[in-house]
Amino acid sequence: MNWLKKYLPNGSCGVISFGVVGGREAAVKFMDSLKLAAIVTHVADSRTCVLHPASTTHRQMNDEELLAAGVSPDLIRMSVGIEDIQDLIQDVDQALGKVKIGRCVSYNKKIKADVMDFA
């Protein structure tokens, strides 16, 4: 079954949230490895932007408080911009390769944790 049709039958917006296997450090390394996306404290722009809530908007919380608030320490929010989709896919792929992971875990509250392979 196509996971996109299963979880987003009516389509989606350009903002996605996902966790990077490896925790907070892996999430930060992933973001630092992106070449196209801007690291910002908001995700409303025509360009692709990424945000790590645990170290920006929720930085005053410890890991336990983050989890209680529904924000995992490895959570990344990405707002997809107007760049070419193949360029974005390639950029995400190379950044995931730098953190040496093969999967991304979704922490969406409406969807139970779902593991998607990127191999």
PDB file of N, CA and C in Angstrom:
ATOM      1  N   MET A   1       0.839  -1.186   0.000  1.00  0.00           N
ATOM      2  CA  MET A   1       0.000   0.000   0.000  1.00  0.00           C
ATOM      3  C   MET A   1       0.883   1.248   0.000  1.00  0.00           C
ATOM      4  N   ASN A   2       0.514   2.203  -0.762  1.00  0.00           N
ATOM      5  CA  ASN A   2       1.241   3.461  -0.827  1.00  0.00           C
ATOM      6  C   ASN A   2       0.986   4.240   0.468  1.00  0.00           C
ATOM      7  N   TRP A   3       2.036   4.479   1.267  1.00  0.00           N
ATOM      8  CA  TRP A   3       1.863   5.139   2.572  1.00  0.00           C
ATOM      9  C   TRP A   3       1.308   6.543   2.418  1.00  0.00           C
ATOM     10  N   LEU A   4       1.643   7.236   1.334  1.00  0.00           N
ATOM     11  CA  LEU A   4       1.145   8.589   1.138  1.00  0.00           C
ATOM     12  C   LEU A   4      -0.367   8.597   0.984  1.00  0.00           C
ATOM     13  N   LYS A   5      -0.897   7.702   0.166  1.00  0.00           N
ATOM     14  CA  LYS A   5      -2.343   7.627  -0.015  1.00  0.00           C
ATOM     15  C   LYS A   5      -3.035   7.149   1.258  1.00  0.00           C
ATOM     16  N   LYS A   6      -2.348   6.278   2.011  1.00  0.00           N
ATOM     17  CA  LYS A   6      -2.937   5.755   3.241  1.00  0.00           C
ATOM     18  C   LYS A   6      -3.087   6.846   4.296  1.00  0.00           C
ATOM     19  N   TYR A   7      -2.012   7.613   4.532  1.00  0.00           N
ATOM     20  CA  TYR A   7      -2.014   8.594   5.607  1.00  0.00           C
ATOM     21  C   TYR A   7      -2.473   9.989   5.184  1.00  0.00           C
ATOM     22  N   LEU A   8      -2.380  10.279   3.892  1.00  0.00           N
ATOM     23  CA  LEU A   8      -2.760  11.604   3.396  1.00  0.00           C
ATOM     24  C   LEU A   8      -3.678  11.461   2.183  1.00  0.00           C
ATOM     25  N   PRO A   9      -4.854  10.873   2.353  1.00  0.00           N
ATOM     26  CA  PRO A   9      -5.722  10.599   1.208  1.00  0.00           C
ATOM     27  C   PRO A   9      -6.211  11.849   0.484  1.00  0.00           C
ATOM     28  N   ASN A  10      -6.224  12.980   1.157  1.00  0.00           N
ATOM     29  CA  ASN A  10      -6.682  14.225   0.544  1.00  0.00           C
ATOM     30  C   ASN A  10      -5.537  15.149   0.169  1.00  0.00           C
ATOM     31  N   GLY A  11      -4.331  14.607   0.123  1.00  0.00           N
ATOM     32  CA  GLY A  11      -3.170  15.441  -0.172  1.00  0.00           C
ATOM     33  C   GLY A  11      -2.610  16.025   1.107  1.00  0.00           C
ATOM     34  N   SER A  12      -1.648  16.887   0.978  1.00  0.00           N
ATOM     35  CA  SER A  12      -1.026  17.465   2.166  1.00  0.00           C
ATOM     36  C   SER A  12      -0.551  18.879   1.874  1.00  0.00           C
ATOM     37  N   CYS A  13      -0.097  19.514   2.908  1.00  0.00           N
ATOM     38  CA  CYS A  13       0.513  20.822   2.748  1.00  0.00           C
ATOM     39  C   CYS A  13       2.006  20.601   2.535  1.00  0.00           C
ATOM     40  N   GLY A  14       2.736  21.657   2.445  1.00  0.00           N
ATOM     41  CA  GLY A  14       4.171  21.539   2.203  1.00  0.00           C
ATOM     42  C   GLY A  14       5.002  21.440   3.463  1.00  0.00           C
ATOM     43  N   VAL A  15       4.374  21.254   4.633  1.00  0.00           N
ATOM     44  CA  VAL A  15       5.126  21.140   5.874  1.00  0.00           C
ATOM     45  C   VAL A  15       5.036  19.703   6.369  1.00  0.00           C
ATOM     46  N   ILE A  16       6.204  19.097   6.610  1.00  0.00           N
ATOM     47  CA  ILE A  16       6.245  17.743   7.137  1.00  0.00           C
ATOM     48  C   ILE A  16       7.087  17.744   8.407  1.00  0.00           C
ATOM     49  N   SER A  17       6.793  16.829   9.291  1.00  0.00           N
ATOM     50  CA  SER A  17       7.564  16.656  10.519  1.00  0.00           C
ATOM     51  C   SER A  17       8.026  15.215  10.580  1.00  0.00           C
ATOM     52  N   PHE A  18       9.269  15.019  10.965  1.00  0.00           N
ATOM     53  CA  PHE A  18       9.809  13.668  11.066  1.00  0.00           C
ATOM     54  C   PHE A  18      10.946  13.659  12.065  1.00  0.00           C
ATOM     55  N   GLY A  19      11.215  12.491  12.584  1.00  0.00           N
ATOM     56  CA  GLY A  19      12.334  12.312  13.498  1.00  0.00           C
ATOM     57  C   GLY A  19      13.452  11.564  12.802  1.00  0.00           C
ATOM     58  N   VAL A  20      14.670  11.887  13.131  1.00  0.00           N
ATOM     59  CA  VAL A  20      15.828  11.218  12.555  1.00  0.00           C
ATOM     60  C   VAL A  20      16.353  10.208  13.566  1.00  0.00           C
ATOM     61  N   VAL A  21      16.456   8.954  13.131  1.00  0.00           N
ATOM     62  CA  VAL A  21      16.973   7.914  14.005  1.00  0.00           C
ATOM     63  C   VAL A  21      18.382   8.312  14.438  1.00  0.00           C
ATOM     64  N   GLY A  22      18.627   8.301  15.736  1.00  0.00           N
ATOM     65  CA  GLY A  22      19.927   8.705  16.262  1.00  0.00           C
ATOM     66  C   GLY A  22      19.803   9.853  17.244  1.00  0.00           C
ATOM     67  N   GLY A  23      18.577  10.346  17.430  1.00  0.00           N
ATOM     68  CA  GLY A  23      18.341  11.358  18.443  1.00  0.00           C
ATOM     69  C   GLY A  23      18.677  12.786  18.042  1.00  0.00           C
ATOM     70  N   ARG A  24      18.799  13.608  19.054  1.00  0.00           N
ATOM     71  CA  ARG A  24      19.022  15.040  18.882  1.00  0.00           C
ATOM     72  C   ARG A  24      20.269  15.333  18.044  1.00  0.00           C
ATOM     73  N   GLU A  25      21.359  14.644  18.347  1.00  0.00           N
ATOM     74  CA  GLU A  25      22.610  14.896  17.636  1.00  0.00           C
ATOM     75  C   GLU A  25      22.476  14.566  16.160  1.00  0.00           C
ATOM     76  N   ALA A  26      21.797  13.466  15.841  1.00  0.00           N
ATOM     77  CA  ALA A  26      21.596  13.083  14.445  1.00  0.00           C
ATOM     78  C   ALA A  26      20.717  14.100  13.723  1.00  0.00           C
ATOM     79  N   ALA A  27      19.707  14.617  14.410  1.00  0.00           N
ATOM     80  CA  ALA A  27      18.828  15.614  13.804  1.00  0.00           C
ATOM     81  C   ALA A  27      19.602  16.884  13.461  1.00  0.00           C
ATOM     82  N   VAL A  28      20.439  17.325  14.381  1.00  0.00           N
ATOM     83  CA  VAL A  28      21.237  18.527  14.144  1.00  0.00           C
ATOM     84  C   VAL A  28      22.227  18.289  13.002  1.00  0.00           C
ATOM     85  N   LYS A  29      22.866  17.124  12.983  1.00  0.00           N
ATOM     86  CA  LYS A  29      23.818  16.805  11.907  1.00  0.00           C
ATOM     87  C   LYS A  29      23.106  16.746  10.562  1.00  0.00           C
ATOM     88  N   PHE A  30      21.916  16.148  10.534  1.00  0.00           N
ATOM     89  CA  PHE A  30      21.128  16.097   9.303  1.00  0.00           C
ATOM     90  C   PHE A  30      20.865  17.515   8.786  1.00  0.00           C
ATOM     91  N   MET A  31      20.381  18.376   9.666  1.00  0.00           N
ATOM     92  CA  MET A  31      20.078  19.748   9.255  1.00  0.00           C
ATOM     93  C   MET A  31      21.332  20.475   8.789  1.00  0.00           C
ATOM     94  N   ASP A  32      22.429  20.319   9.506  1.00  0.00           N
ATOM     95  CA  ASP A  32      23.675  20.977   9.117  1.00  0.00           C
ATOM     96  C   ASP A  32      24.208  20.466   7.787  1.00  0.00           C
ATOM     97  N   SER A  33      23.810  19.247   7.399  1.00  0.00           N
ATOM     98  CA  SER A  33      24.286  18.653   6.156  1.00  0.00           C
ATOM     99  C   SER A  33      23.455  19.049   4.943  1.00  0.00           C
ATOM    100  N   LEU A  34      22.291  19.630   5.164  1.00  0.00           N
ATOM    101  CA  LEU A  34      21.465  20.076   4.042  1.00  0.00           C
ATOM    102  C   LEU A  34      22.141  21.248   3.335  1.00  0.00           C
ATOM    103  N   LYS A  35      22.085  21.233   2.013  1.00  0.00           N
ATOM    104  CA  LYS A  35      22.710  22.298   1.235  1.00  0.00           C
ATOM    105  C   LYS A  35      21.695  23.302   0.697  1.00  0.00           C
ATOM    106  N   LEU A  36      20.467  22.855   0.438  1.00  0.00           N
ATOM    107  CA  LEU A  36      19.454  23.737  -0.140  1.00  0.00           C
ATOM    108  C   LEU A  36      18.569  24.406   0.899  1.00  0.00           C
ATOM    109  N   ALA A  37      18.253  23.699   1.951  1.00  0.00           N
ATOM    110  CA  ALA A  37      17.303  24.201   2.940  1.00  0.00           C
ATOM    111  C   ALA A  37      17.943  25.229   3.864  1.00  0.00           C
ATOM    112  N   ALA A  38      17.157  26.225   4.202  1.00  0.00           N
ATOM    113  CA  ALA A  38      17.592  27.236   5.167  1.00  0.00           C
ATOM    114  C   ALA A  38      17.184  26.782   6.565  1.00  0.00           C
ATOM    115  N   ILE A  39      18.096  26.905   7.524  1.00  0.00           N
ATOM    116  CA  ILE A  39      17.775  26.588   8.917  1.00  0.00           C
ATOM    117  C   ILE A  39      17.243  27.867   9.541  1.00  0.00           C
ATOM    118  N   VAL A  40      15.970  27.826   9.913  1.00  0.00           N
ATOM    119  CA  VAL A  40      15.290  29.023  10.400  1.00  0.00           C
ATOM    120  C   VAL A  40      14.422  28.685  11.615  1.00  0.00           C
ATOM    121  N   THR A  41      13.908  29.712  12.272  1.00  0.00           N
ATOM    122  CA  THR A  41      13.013  29.475  13.411  1.00  0.00           C
ATOM    123  C   THR A  41      11.552  29.569  12.996  1.00  0.00           C
ATOM    124  N   HIS A  42      11.284  29.656  11.738  1.00  0.00           N
ATOM    125  CA  HIS A  42       9.922  29.607  11.208  1.00  0.00           C
ATOM    126  C   HIS A  42       9.979  28.778   9.935  1.00  0.00           C
ATOM    127  N   VAL A  43       8.844  28.340   9.452  1.00  0.00           N
ATOM    128  CA  VAL A  43       8.838  27.538   8.235  1.00  0.00           C
ATOM    129  C   VAL A  43       7.856  28.105   7.213  1.00  0.00           C
ATOM    130  N   ALA A  44       7.768  29.419   7.130  1.00  0.00           N
ATOM    131  CA  ALA A  44       6.855  30.054   6.185  1.00  0.00           C
ATOM    132  C   ALA A  44       7.672  30.881   5.197  1.00  0.00           C
ATOM    133  N   ASP A  45       8.014  30.262   4.074  1.00  0.00           N
ATOM    134  CA  ASP A  45       8.856  30.922   3.088  1.00  0.00           C
ATOM    135  C   ASP A  45       8.658  30.218   1.756  1.00  0.00           C
ATOM    136  N   SER A  46       9.084  30.827   0.671  1.00  0.00           N
ATOM    137  CA  SER A  46       8.997  30.171  -0.636  1.00  0.00           C
ATOM    138  C   SER A  46      10.155  29.203  -0.841  1.00  0.00           C
ATOM    139  N   ARG A  47      11.193  29.336  -0.041  1.00  0.00           N
ATOM    140  CA  ARG A  47      12.313  28.406  -0.126  1.00  0.00           C
ATOM    141  C   ARG A  47      12.113  27.300   0.907  1.00  0.00           C
ATOM    142  N   THR A  48      12.805  26.203   0.724  1.00  0.00           N
ATOM    143  CA  THR A  48      12.709  25.106   1.678  1.00  0.00           C
ATOM    144  C   THR A  48      13.414  25.503   2.969  1.00  0.00           C
ATOM    145  N   CYS A  49      12.713  25.314   4.079  1.00  0.00           N
ATOM    146  CA  CYS A  49      13.233  25.691   5.392  1.00  0.00           C
ATOM    147  C   CYS A  49      13.100  24.510   6.351  1.00  0.00           C
ATOM    148  N   VAL A  50      14.044  24.401   7.272  1.00  0.00           N
ATOM    149  CA  VAL A  50      13.976  23.366   8.299  1.00  0.00           C
ATOM    150  C   VAL A  50      14.113  23.998   9.674  1.00  0.00           C
ATOM    151  N   LEU A  51      13.514  23.328  10.640  1.00  0.00           N
ATOM    152  CA  LEU A  51      13.498  23.810  12.016  1.00  0.00           C
ATOM    153  C   LEU A  51      13.674  22.618  12.942  1.00  0.00           C
ATOM    154  N   HIS A  52      14.503  22.768  13.952  1.00  0.00           N
ATOM    155  CA  HIS A  52      14.680  21.748  14.986  1.00  0.00           C
ATOM    156  C   HIS A  52      14.096  22.320  16.276  1.00  0.00           C
ATOM    157  N   PRO A  53      12.820  22.024  16.563  1.00  0.00           N
ATOM    158  CA  PRO A  53      12.150  22.630  17.718  1.00  0.00           C
ATOM    159  C   PRO A  53      12.890  22.448  19.044  1.00  0.00           C
ATOM    160  N   ALA A  54      13.527  21.289  19.252  1.00  0.00           N
ATOM    161  CA  ALA A  54      14.196  21.033  20.534  1.00  0.00           C
ATOM    162  C   ALA A  54      15.332  22.005  20.808  1.00  0.00           C
ATOM    163  N   SER A  55      15.928  22.566  19.767  1.00  0.00           N
ATOM    164  CA  SER A  55      17.031  23.509  19.995  1.00  0.00           C
ATOM    165  C   SER A  55      16.664  24.945  19.623  1.00  0.00           C
ATOM    166  N   THR A  56      15.401  25.171  19.235  1.00  0.00           N
ATOM    167  CA  THR A  56      14.982  26.538  18.891  1.00  0.00           C
ATOM    168  C   THR A  56      13.738  26.923  19.689  1.00  0.00           C
ATOM    169  N   THR A  57      12.575  26.669  19.151  1.00  0.00           N
ATOM    170  CA  THR A  57      11.329  27.124  19.767  1.00  0.00           C
ATOM    171  C   THR A  57      11.031  26.504  21.123  1.00  0.00           C
ATOM    172  N   HIS A  58      11.578  25.308  21.396  1.00  0.00           N
ATOM    173  CA  HIS A  58      11.339  24.611  22.661  1.00  0.00           C
ATOM    174  C   HIS A  58      12.641  24.391  23.437  1.00  0.00           C
ATOM    175  N   ARG A  59      13.633  25.216  23.195  1.00  0.00           N
ATOM    176  CA  ARG A  59      14.966  25.004  23.777  1.00  0.00           C
ATOM    177  C   ARG A  59      14.993  25.089  25.299  1.00  0.00           C
ATOM    178  N   GLN A  60      14.005  25.708  25.905  1.00  0.00           N
ATOM    179  CA  GLN A  60      13.976  25.827  27.359  1.00  0.00           C
ATOM    180  C   GLN A  60      13.543  24.543  28.048  1.00  0.00           C
ATOM    181  N   MET A  61      13.069  23.543  27.273  1.00  0.00           N
ATOM    182  CA  MET A  61      12.574  22.292  27.844  1.00  0.00           C
ATOM    183  C   MET A  61      13.659  21.210  27.819  1.00  0.00           C
ATOM    184  N   ASN A  62      13.636  20.355  28.850  1.00  0.00           N
ATOM    185  CA  ASN A  62      14.523  19.191  28.816  1.00  0.00           C
ATOM    186  C   ASN A  62      13.827  18.092  28.007  1.00  0.00           C
ATOM    187  N   ASP A  63      14.508  16.967  27.777  1.00  0.00           N
ATOM    188  CA  ASP A  63      13.955  15.914  26.928  1.00  0.00           C
ATOM    189  C   ASP A  63      12.634  15.364  27.455  1.00  0.00           C
ATOM    190  N   GLU A  64      12.501  15.228  28.765  1.00  0.00           N
ATOM    191  CA  GLU A  64      11.260  14.729  29.350  1.00  0.00           C
ATOM    192  C   GLU A  64      10.105  15.696  29.094  1.00  0.00           C
ATOM    193  N   GLU A  65      10.353  16.981  29.257  1.00  0.00           N
ATOM    194  CA  GLU A  65       9.324  17.990  29.012  1.00  0.00           C
ATOM    195  C   GLU A  65       8.965  18.053  27.523  1.00  0.00           C
ATOM    196  N   LEU A  66       9.964  17.897  26.667  1.00  0.00           N
ATOM    197  CA  LEU A  66       9.707  17.876  25.229  1.00  0.00           C
ATOM    198  C   LEU A  66       8.742  16.749  24.873  1.00  0.00           C
ATOM    199  N   LEU A  67       9.044  15.550  25.358  1.00  0.00           N
ATOM    200  CA  LEU A  67       8.190  14.400  25.055  1.00  0.00           C
ATOM    201  C   LEU A  67       6.783  14.593  25.592  1.00  0.00           C
ATOM    202  N   ALA A  68       6.660  15.167  26.790  1.00  0.00           N
ATOM    203  CA  ALA A  68       5.336  15.431  27.366  1.00  0.00           C
ATOM    204  C   ALA A  68       4.549  16.423  26.509  1.00  0.00           C
ATOM    205  N   ALA A  69       5.269  17.316  25.843  1.00  0.00           N
ATOM    206  CA  ALA A  69       4.635  18.308  24.979  1.00  0.00           C
ATOM    207  C   ALA A  69       4.408  17.776  23.562  1.00  0.00           C
ATOM    208  N   GLY A  70       4.827  16.529  23.308  1.00  0.00           N
ATOM    209  CA  GLY A  70       4.638  15.942  21.989  1.00  0.00           C
ATOM    210  C   GLY A  70       5.729  16.295  20.996  1.00  0.00           C
ATOM    211  N   VAL A  71       6.872  16.747  21.504  1.00  0.00           N
ATOM    212  CA  VAL A  71       7.997  17.117  20.650  1.00  0.00           C
ATOM    213  C   VAL A  71       9.167  16.201  20.986  1.00  0.00           C
ATOM    214  N   SER A  72       9.517  15.320  20.077  1.00  0.00           N
ATOM    215  CA  SER A  72      10.657  14.441  20.345  1.00  0.00           C
ATOM    216  C   SER A  72      11.955  15.207  20.113  1.00  0.00           C
ATOM    217  N   PRO A  73      13.018  14.866  20.828  1.00  0.00           N
ATOM    218  CA  PRO A  73      14.294  15.574  20.682  1.00  0.00           C
ATOM    219  C   PRO A  73      14.878  15.487  19.278  1.00  0.00           C
ATOM    220  N   ASP A  74      14.470  14.484  18.502  1.00  0.00           N
ATOM    221  CA  ASP A  74      14.990  14.313  17.146  1.00  0.00           C
ATOM    222  C   ASP A  74      14.065  14.873  16.071  1.00  0.00           C
ATOM    223  N   LEU A  75      12.997  15.562  16.475  1.00  0.00           N
ATOM    224  CA  LEU A  75      12.001  16.073  15.538  1.00  0.00           C
ATOM    225  C   LEU A  75      12.557  17.185  14.660  1.00  0.00           C
ATOM    226  N   ILE A  76      12.253  17.092  13.372  1.00  0.00           N
ATOM    227  CA  ILE A  76      12.592  18.131  12.407  1.00  0.00           C
ATOM    228  C   ILE A  76      11.316  18.510  11.684  1.00  0.00           C
ATOM    229  N   ARG A  77      11.108  19.802  11.511  1.00  0.00           N
ATOM    230  CA  ARG A  77       9.995  20.296  10.693  1.00  0.00           C
ATOM    231  C   ARG A  77      10.593  20.850   9.420  1.00  0.00           C
ATOM    232  N   MET A  78      10.033  20.434   8.299  1.00  0.00           N
ATOM    233  CA  MET A  78      10.518  20.903   7.011  1.00  0.00           C
ATOM    234  C   MET A  78       9.361  21.481   6.216  1.00  0.00           C
ATOM    235  N   SER A  79       9.550  22.697   5.752  1.00  0.00           N
ATOM    236  CA  SER A  79       8.590  23.338   4.877  1.00  0.00           C
ATOM    237  C   SER A  79       9.189  23.298   3.478  1.00  0.00           C
ATOM    238  N   VAL A  80       8.532  22.564   2.597  1.00  0.00           N
ATOM    239  CA  VAL A  80       9.060  22.373   1.247  1.00  0.00           C
ATOM    240  C   VAL A  80       8.767  23.608   0.416  1.00  0.00           C
ATOM    241  N   GLY A  81       9.811  24.126  -0.197  1.00  0.00           N
ATOM    242  CA  GLY A  81       9.702  25.340  -0.995  1.00  0.00           C
ATOM    243  C   GLY A  81       9.493  25.069  -2.472  1.00  0.00           C
ATOM    244  N   ILE A  82       9.873  26.036  -3.279  1.00  0.00           N
ATOM    245  CA  ILE A  82       9.613  25.958  -4.716  1.00  0.00           C
ATOM    246  C   ILE A  82      10.791  25.401  -5.516  1.00  0.00           C
ATOM    247  N   GLU A  83      11.814  24.922  -4.835  1.00  0.00           N
ATOM    248  CA  GLU A  83      12.947  24.344  -5.536  1.00  0.00           C
ATOM    249  C   GLU A  83      12.515  23.091  -6.306  1.00  0.00           C
ATOM    250  N   ASP A  84      13.318  22.665  -7.243  1.00  0.00           N
ATOM    251  CA  ASP A  84      13.045  21.458  -8.004  1.00  0.00           C
ATOM    252  C   ASP A  84      12.990  20.257  -7.056  1.00  0.00           C
ATOM    253  N   ILE A  85      11.952  19.440  -7.201  1.00  0.00           N
ATOM    254  CA  ILE A  85      11.752  18.328  -6.278  1.00  0.00           C
ATOM    255  C   ILE A  85      12.908  17.334  -6.311  1.00  0.00           C
ATOM    256  N   GLN A  86      13.465  17.080  -7.481  1.00  0.00           N
ATOM    257  CA  GLN A  86      14.590  16.149  -7.559  1.00  0.00           C
ATOM    258  C   GLN A  86      15.812  16.695  -6.827  1.00  0.00           C
ATOM    259  N   ASP A  87      16.026  17.993  -6.880  1.00  0.00           N
ATOM    260  CA  ASP A  87      17.132  18.612  -6.133  1.00  0.00           C
ATOM    261  C   ASP A  87      16.914  18.453  -4.630  1.00  0.00           C
ATOM    262  N   LEU A  88      15.665  18.633  -4.185  1.00  0.00           N
ATOM    263  CA  LEU A  88      15.359  18.476  -2.764  1.00  0.00           C
ATOM    264  C   LEU A  88      15.527  17.037  -2.304  1.00  0.00           C
ATOM    265  N   ILE A  89      15.051  16.099  -3.112  1.00  0.00           N
ATOM    266  CA  ILE A  89      15.198  14.677  -2.761  1.00  0.00           C
ATOM    267  C   ILE A  89      16.674  14.317  -2.658  1.00  0.00           C
ATOM    268  N   GLN A  90      17.466  14.774  -3.611  1.00  0.00           N
ATOM    269  CA  GLN A  90      18.905  14.493  -3.592  1.00  0.00           C
ATOM    270  C   GLN A  90      19.566  15.108  -2.361  1.00  0.00           C
ATOM    271  N   ASP A  91      19.155  16.322  -1.997  1.00  0.00           N
ATOM    272  CA  ASP A  91      19.730  16.983  -0.835  1.00  0.00           C
ATOM    273  C   ASP A  91      19.385  16.238   0.458  1.00  0.00           C
ATOM    274  N   VAL A  92      18.126  15.850   0.607  1.00  0.00           N
ATOM    275  CA  VAL A  92      17.717  15.091   1.799  1.00  0.00           C
ATOM    276  C   VAL A  92      18.449  13.754   1.839  1.00  0.00           C
ATOM    277  N   ASP A  93      18.560  13.103   0.693  1.00  0.00           N
ATOM    278  CA  ASP A  93      19.240  11.814   0.632  1.00  0.00           C
ATOM    279  C   ASP A  93      20.703  11.922   1.057  1.00  0.00           C
ATOM    280  N   GLN A  94      21.413  12.940   0.560  1.00  0.00           N
ATOM    281  CA  GLN A  94      22.826  13.077   0.937  1.00  0.00           C
ATOM    282  C   GLN A  94      22.970  13.441   2.407  1.00  0.00           C
ATOM    283  N   ALA A  95      22.027  14.234   2.946  1.00  0.00           N
ATOM    284  CA  ALA A  95      22.087  14.598   4.369  1.00  0.00           C
ATOM    285  C   ALA A  95      21.813  13.385   5.254  1.00  0.00           C
ATOM    286  N   LEU A  96      20.846  12.546   4.848  1.00  0.00           N
ATOM    287  CA  LEU A  96      20.588  11.317   5.600  1.00  0.00           C
ATOM    288  C   LEU A  96      21.808  10.403   5.565  1.00  0.00           C
ATOM    289  N   GLY A  97      22.491  10.371   4.435  1.00  0.00           N
ATOM    290  CA  GLY A  97      23.697   9.562   4.317  1.00  0.00           C
ATOM    291  C   GLY A  97      24.793  10.007   5.263  1.00  0.00           C
ATOM    292  N   LYS A  98      24.856  11.289   5.548  1.00  0.00           N
ATOM    293  CA  LYS A  98      25.893  11.801   6.449  1.00  0.00           C
ATOM    294  C   LYS A  98      25.636  11.445   7.904  1.00  0.00           C
ATOM    295  N   VAL A  99      24.379  11.171   8.250  1.00  0.00           N
ATOM    296  CA  VAL A  99      24.095  10.736   9.619  1.00  0.00           C
ATOM    297  C   VAL A  99      24.004   9.223   9.697  1.00  0.00           C
ATOM    298  N   LYS A 100      24.301   8.568   8.572  1.00  0.00           N
ATOM    299  CA  LYS A 100      24.394   7.105   8.495  1.00  0.00           C
ATOM    300  C   LYS A 100      23.152   6.399   9.020  1.00  0.00           C
ATOM    301  N   ILE A 101      22.000   6.821   8.506  1.00  0.00           N
ATOM    302  CA  ILE A 101      20.767   6.144   8.875  1.00  0.00           C
ATOM    303  C   ILE A 101      20.108   5.597   7.624  1.00  0.00           C
ATOM    304  N   GLY A 102      19.203   4.681   7.796  1.00  0.00           N
ATOM    305  CA  GLY A 102      18.489   4.126   6.673  1.00  0.00           C
ATOM    306  C   GLY A 102      16.994   4.269   6.796  1.00  0.00           C
ATOM    307  N   ARG A 103      16.549   5.008   7.783  1.00  0.00           N
ATOM    308  CA  ARG A 103      15.114   5.159   7.944  1.00  0.00           C
ATOM    309  C   ARG A 103      14.793   6.437   8.693  1.00  0.00           C
ATOM    310  N   CYS A 104      13.550   6.827   8.580  1.00  0.00           N
ATOM    311  CA  CYS A 104      13.044   8.016   9.260  1.00  0.00           C
ATOM    312  C   CYS A 104      11.798   7.590  10.024  1.00  0.00           C
ATOM    313  N   VAL A 105      11.644   8.034  11.241  1.00  0.00           N
ATOM    314  CA  VAL A 105      10.499   7.649  12.060  1.00  0.00           C
ATOM    315  C   VAL A 105       9.559   8.839  12.199  1.00  0.00           C
ATOM    316  N   SER A 106       8.296   8.631  11.882  1.00  0.00           N
ATOM    317  CA  SER A 106       7.298   9.687  11.977  1.00  0.00           C
ATOM    318  C   SER A 106       6.737   9.730  13.396  1.00  0.00           C
ATOM    319  N   TYR A 107       6.625  10.926  13.968  1.00  0.00           N
ATOM    320  CA  TYR A 107       6.076  11.079  15.308  1.00  0.00           C
ATOM    321  C   TYR A 107       4.774  11.875  15.307  1.00  0.00           C
ATOM    322  N   ASN A 108       4.112  11.899  14.170  1.00  0.00           N
ATOM    323  CA  ASN A 108       2.858  12.614  14.065  1.00  0.00           C
ATOM    324  C   ASN A 108       1.871  12.038  15.078  1.00  0.00           C
ATOM    325  N   LYS A 109       1.243  12.890  15.881  1.00  0.00           N
ATOM    326  CA  LYS A 109       0.313  12.418  16.906  1.00  0.00           C
ATOM    327  C   LYS A 109      -0.896  11.702  16.303  1.00  0.00           C
ATOM    328  N   LYS A 110      -1.310  12.088  15.102  1.00  0.00           N
ATOM    329  CA  LYS A 110      -2.468  11.473  14.486  1.00  0.00           C
ATOM    330  C   LYS A 110      -2.126  10.118  13.876  1.00  0.00           C
ATOM    331  N   ILE A 111      -0.862   9.903  13.606  1.00  0.00           N
ATOM    332  CA  ILE A 111      -0.405   8.645  13.019  1.00  0.00           C
ATOM    333  C   ILE A 111       0.527   7.994  14.016  1.00  0.00           C
ATOM    334  N   LYS A 112       0.266   6.766  14.363  1.00  0.00           N
ATOM    335  CA  LYS A 112       1.180   6.061  15.262  1.00  0.00           C
ATOM    336  C   LYS A 112       2.550   5.983  14.603  1.00  0.00           C
ATOM    337  N   ALA A 113       3.588   5.895  15.408  1.00  0.00           N
ATOM    338  CA  ALA A 113       4.947   5.869  14.876  1.00  0.00           C
ATOM    339  C   ALA A 113       5.048   4.914  13.697  1.00  0.00           C
ATOM    340  N   ASP A 114       5.469   5.427  12.579  1.00  0.00           N
ATOM    341  CA  ASP A 114       5.546   4.663  11.345  1.00  0.00           C
ATOM    342  C   ASP A 114       6.964   4.772  10.820  1.00  0.00           C
ATOM    343  N   VAL A 115       7.567   3.648  10.483  1.00  0.00           N
ATOM    344  CA  VAL A 115       8.927   3.641   9.991  1.00  0.00           C
ATOM    345  C   VAL A 115       8.902   3.529   8.483  1.00  0.00           C
ATOM    346  N   MET A 116       9.607   4.454   7.837  1.00  0.00           N
ATOM    347  CA  MET A 116       9.696   4.442   6.377  1.00  0.00           C
ATOM    348  C   MET A 116      11.145   4.219   5.990  1.00  0.00           C
ATOM    349  N   ASP A 117      11.391   3.209   5.170  1.00  0.00           N
ATOM    350  CA  ASP A 117      12.750   2.942   4.708  1.00  0.00           C
ATOM    351  C   ASP A 117      13.130   3.890   3.582  1.00  0.00           C
ATOM    352  N   PHE A 118      14.377   4.350   3.603  1.00  0.00           N
ATOM    353  CA  PHE A 118      14.874   5.221   2.559  1.00  0.00           C
ATOM    354  C   PHE A 118      15.876   4.498   1.670  1.00  0.00           C
ATOM    355  N   ALA A 119      16.032   3.206   1.842  1.00  0.00           N
ATOM    356  CA  ALA A 119      17.006   2.463   1.035  1.00  0.00           C
ATOM    357  C   ALA A 119      16.496   2.251  -0.366  1.00  0.00           C
TER     358      ALA A 119
END
